[in-house]
Amino acid sequence: MIPRRTWLILLAAAAAAVATGRAQARRPISLVVTNAIVVTMAPESRVLNPGAVAIDGRDIVAVDTPDAIARAFEGRESIDAAGQVVMPGLVNTHTHAPMVLYRGLADDLALMDWLQKYIFPAEAKTVSPEFVRAGTRLAALEMIQSGTTTYADMYYFEEEIARATREAGLRGVLGQTIIQFPVPDAKTPAEGLARTEAFIKEFASDDLITPAVAPHAMYTLDTKTLKAARALADRERVPVITHLAETQDEVKAAREKYKMSPTAYLESIGFWGPRTLAAHAVWVSPADIQILARRHVGISHNPESNMKLASGTSPVTSLRAAGVTVGLGTDGAASNNDLDMFEAMRQTAFLHKLVTRDPRAMPAPTAR
């Protein structure tokens, strides 16, 4: 017979062995990316070199050293990313994805000449569901290659853009454009609003696509339609995407017609509200900036497009100082001429150092 003390020792040893086995058990996951230079967005700007990322399905479950990840996780697939950078995906806050097919169509022009003499006529002749689908696929490839994983867009036949975006595995905040004159997917603003509502309902539950309402601009829409677009967004609880104060011509037209700036006019009709993204905001006054801050309007800064079209420079440092959230965008490739967010970051940093004459105005961590 084994003495009672010996049984206790054996049981304790068995328990310790089970506990050790449990401690050493690795969680099965779908993918481990290892040996990379892992750039995190932690407040201390931590960079792991080498580092590893554990991914299960669509979720990042851990970021650590290769040894730590190897001890904790077992990936069904593993990627050795030695010498490569792994970092969070970039967000492009303003595009017209299918316009990659108009890249180089017209250069050395101001915005209104560019739009009215070249872009609007070309769109009337060529835009179709097939055109939009092909252009979006090309744009998605270009964005993926330069690190973008989420983008905001406004164009025609937006349902085709959404489908191509989803197929590419990108995330998109995608707005069906509403405009006053006949365009390829809607002959009237009312038809544009109806298409927008149908678009929202089709993608309301999509886990990659956030549908939005996209009234083009205050200078291409009447007051009734702008109010209807806002009402639709509020009713469906979706974002609004629009253009704002991109040129001096737009400001001049608003003052002549409404005796107000574009920002103030849109405020006067109750257009501004939550979940609103306004692209450009080049010609905004201190009073305009206070409106945007008070209404929590997000601004998409598109430095390369604004430089190419000689539109001006958005007062980004003033917007940020007032508490306005500012993101970066490329605009469409026809007015850029690319969708490269690294280039957008670089140009942003340089541009605001120049216009403020302060080399500290836009440091790299801010531009990113």
Foldseek 3Di string as FASTA:
>chain_A
DDDPVVVVVVVVVVVVVVVVVVQQDAAEAAEKEWQAFEFEPPPVRDTDRTKMWTHHDPDTDDIGHPVVNVRHHDHPYYHHHNPHYDYAFDEAEEAAQLCLVCAPVDFDAADVCCCPVTVQVVQQVDDDLVSSLVSLLVSLVQRVVQRHQEYEYEDAPQVSNVVSNVVSNGAYAYAYEAFADQGDRDHHSVSSVVVLLVSCVVCVPPPRYFYAHEHEAPVGDDLVSLLVRQVSCVVSVGAYEYEALQAPVQQVVCCVVPVDGRLVVCVVSVNQAPRYEYEDQFDADLVSLLSCQVRQYAYEHAVQLCVRNVRHHHPVLSSVVSPHHYHYHNYYCNRRVGGNLVVRLVCVLVVVCVVVVNNPSADSVNSD
